[in-house]
Protein backbone atom coordinates (compact mmCIF):
# COMPACT_ATOMS: atom_id res chain seq x y z
CA MET A 1 -21.52 -58.74 172.03
CA SER A 2 -19.86 -59.49 168.70
CA SER A 3 -21.10 -58.64 165.35
CA TYR A 4 -21.04 -62.31 164.12
CA PRO A 5 -24.19 -64.34 163.76
CA ALA A 6 -25.02 -66.28 166.86
CA GLU A 7 -23.60 -69.54 165.72
CA PHE A 8 -20.06 -68.02 165.51
CA ASP A 9 -20.13 -66.44 168.86
CA PRO A 10 -17.40 -67.70 171.07
CA VAL A 11 -18.61 -70.18 173.60
CA PRO A 12 -16.53 -71.52 176.56
CA ILE A 13 -15.59 -75.25 176.14
CA GLN A 14 -16.30 -77.48 178.98
CA GLN A 15 -14.50 -80.75 179.38
CA SER A 16 -14.70 -83.21 182.22
CA VAL A 17 -11.46 -84.92 183.07
CA SER A 18 -11.53 -87.84 185.57
CA ALA A 19 -8.76 -89.88 187.02
CA PRO A 20 -8.20 -93.39 185.67
CA SER A 21 -9.91 -96.15 187.52
CA LEU A 22 -7.60 -98.47 189.55
CA PRO A 23 -8.30 -101.31 191.65
CA ILE A 24 -9.01 -100.02 195.16
CA SER A 25 -7.55 -101.81 198.04
CA SER A 26 -8.80 -101.37 201.58
CA SER A 27 -5.65 -99.52 202.50
CA MET A 28 -5.94 -97.15 199.75
CA SER A 29 -8.43 -94.74 198.99
CA ILE A 30 -8.56 -92.80 195.77
CA SER A 31 -11.02 -90.08 195.06
CA THR A 32 -11.96 -89.03 191.57
CA GLN A 33 -12.34 -85.54 190.74
CA THR A 34 -14.31 -83.80 187.96
CA GLN A 35 -12.77 -80.66 186.75
CA THR A 36 -14.38 -78.18 184.50
CA ILE A 37 -12.15 -76.31 182.27
CA SER A 38 -13.24 -73.20 180.52
CA GLN A 39 -11.03 -71.55 177.96
CA PRO A 40 -11.85 -68.09 176.70
CA GLN A 41 -11.20 -67.66 173.12
CA SER A 42 -9.54 -64.57 171.74
CA GLN A 43 -10.91 -62.86 168.87
CA SER A 44 -8.36 -64.17 166.32
CA GLN A 45 -9.26 -67.74 167.29
CA SER A 46 -12.94 -67.05 166.73
CA GLN A 47 -12.15 -65.59 163.30
CA SER A 48 -10.25 -68.66 162.25
CA GLN A 49 -13.44 -70.67 162.80
CA LEU A 50 -15.19 -68.45 160.23
CA PRO A 51 -15.52 -70.07 156.76
CA GLN A 52 -12.90 -68.78 154.50
CA LYS A 53 -13.76 -67.28 151.23
CA THR A 54 -11.79 -69.01 148.48
CA TYR A 55 -10.45 -66.77 145.73
CA LYS A 56 -9.48 -68.20 142.30
CA TYR A 57 -6.59 -66.56 140.60
CA PHE A 58 -6.38 -66.72 136.83
CA PRO A 59 -3.09 -65.33 135.56
CA ALA A 60 -3.11 -63.49 132.32
CA PRO A 61 -1.66 -65.34 129.28
CA PRO A 62 1.83 -64.51 128.39
CA LEU A 63 2.31 -61.65 125.83
CA ILE A 64 4.21 -63.34 122.82
CA THR A 65 5.30 -60.68 120.37
CA THR A 66 7.93 -62.63 118.52
CA TYR A 67 5.74 -65.17 116.80
CA HIS A 68 6.63 -65.34 113.07
CA GLN A 69 4.83 -67.41 110.47
CA TYR A 70 6.90 -68.11 107.30
CA GLN A 71 5.62 -68.85 103.91
CA ASP A 72 6.17 -72.36 102.60
CA VAL A 73 8.09 -71.77 99.49
CA ASN A 74 8.09 -75.46 98.64
CA ASN A 75 4.43 -75.27 97.86
CA ASP A 76 4.80 -72.35 95.53
CA ASP A 77 3.47 -73.29 91.99
CA ASN A 78 5.51 -70.59 90.31
CA LEU A 79 8.72 -72.01 91.75
CA GLN A 80 7.73 -75.44 90.66
CA HIS A 81 7.00 -74.20 87.20
CA MET A 82 10.20 -72.38 86.89
CA GLU A 83 12.23 -75.41 88.03
CA THR A 84 10.36 -77.82 85.79
CA LEU A 85 11.07 -75.55 82.82
CA TYR A 86 14.64 -75.32 83.72
CA PHE A 87 15.21 -79.04 83.94
CA LEU A 88 13.05 -79.78 80.83
CA SER A 89 15.33 -77.55 78.71
CA GLU A 90 18.40 -78.95 80.53
CA THR A 91 17.30 -82.50 79.86
CA LEU A 92 16.72 -81.85 76.15
CA ASP A 93 20.24 -80.29 76.01
CA TRP A 94 21.68 -83.30 77.80
CA ILE A 95 20.04 -85.69 75.38
CA ASP A 96 21.81 -83.79 72.56
CA ASN A 97 25.18 -83.31 74.02
CA ASP A 98 25.74 -85.83 76.89
CA LYS A 99 27.03 -89.34 76.12
CA SER A 100 25.21 -90.88 79.07
CA PHE A 101 21.77 -89.67 77.64
CA LYS A 102 22.58 -91.09 74.05
CA LYS A 103 20.25 -94.02 74.68
CA LEU A 104 17.25 -91.66 75.49
CA LYS A 105 17.16 -89.96 72.15
CA LYS A 106 13.81 -91.63 71.40
CA PHE A 107 12.29 -89.69 74.52
CA LYS A 108 13.17 -86.31 72.89
CA LYS A 109 9.97 -86.22 70.85
CA TYR A 110 7.81 -86.87 74.02
CA LEU A 111 9.67 -84.23 76.11
CA LYS A 112 9.20 -81.72 73.34
CA GLY A 113 5.63 -82.46 72.93
CA SER A 114 2.58 -81.38 75.15
CA ASP A 115 3.26 -84.13 77.66
CA GLY A 116 6.97 -83.30 78.25
CA TYR A 117 6.16 -80.75 80.97
CA GLU A 118 3.94 -83.09 82.79
CA ILE A 119 6.54 -85.88 82.52
CA MET A 120 9.34 -83.73 83.91
CA HIS A 121 7.08 -82.26 86.58
CA LYS A 122 6.26 -85.77 87.96
CA ILE A 123 9.95 -86.88 87.80
CA LEU A 124 10.89 -83.70 89.86
CA LYS A 125 8.02 -84.16 92.23
CA LEU A 126 9.23 -87.73 92.96
CA PHE A 127 12.66 -86.58 93.46
CA VAL A 128 11.62 -83.83 95.92
CA ARG A 129 9.40 -86.14 97.91
CA ARG A 130 11.66 -89.22 98.00
CA GLY A 131 14.83 -87.29 98.41
CA ASN A 132 13.45 -85.13 101.23
CA THR A 133 14.63 -81.99 99.51
CA ASN A 134 13.09 -78.67 98.50
CA TRP A 135 12.24 -77.34 95.10
CA TYR A 136 14.57 -74.34 95.61
CA ASP A 137 17.46 -76.75 96.14
CA LEU A 138 17.16 -78.54 92.87
CA LYS A 139 19.50 -76.42 91.06
CA ILE A 140 22.22 -76.92 93.72
CA GLN A 141 21.76 -80.71 93.50
CA ARG A 142 22.03 -80.51 89.62
CA SER A 143 24.19 -83.71 89.24
CA LEU A 144 21.91 -85.75 91.49
CA VAL A 145 18.82 -84.57 89.60
CA LYS A 146 20.65 -85.28 86.36
CA ASP A 147 21.35 -88.87 87.37
CA TYR A 148 17.64 -89.30 88.66
CA ILE A 149 16.11 -88.05 85.45
CA ARG A 150 18.33 -90.39 83.33
CA HIS A 151 17.25 -93.29 85.57
CA LYS A 152 13.52 -92.57 85.53
CA LEU A 153 13.58 -91.98 81.60
CA SER A 154 15.22 -95.13 81.09
CA LYS A 155 12.55 -96.92 83.04
CA PHE A 156 9.89 -95.13 81.01
């Protein structure tokens, strides 16, 4: 006797097999036979009928050690302040010395006043946003910034 519950005990399978029915003529006689087939099951077959336990496998997440987060220097207020002061002083020099800025002499008093910093900061902020550039690249693009400041001040 096995150690499994009664419903899992191997039971011989009985099948009845009969010959196909054909029209019988008087000269032919066909007999039908019923055979009983019993198939003993081996232990491996009886174990395959047992309900299998399903195991779920959850792999460990990958170990990432090379993740770096960089500071966004473009949002640095100190950098923006330094660049604004630099271009404010440069603009005042350009108004005094550059021939293309001679028409903008009337803006010199506004740029030297308390609103000069705010005006220059807004102009540079527009240049950075519309030009898709960075604050730390403004000194490299000095000629473009110069033309943009001249253009914006002439519209002011």
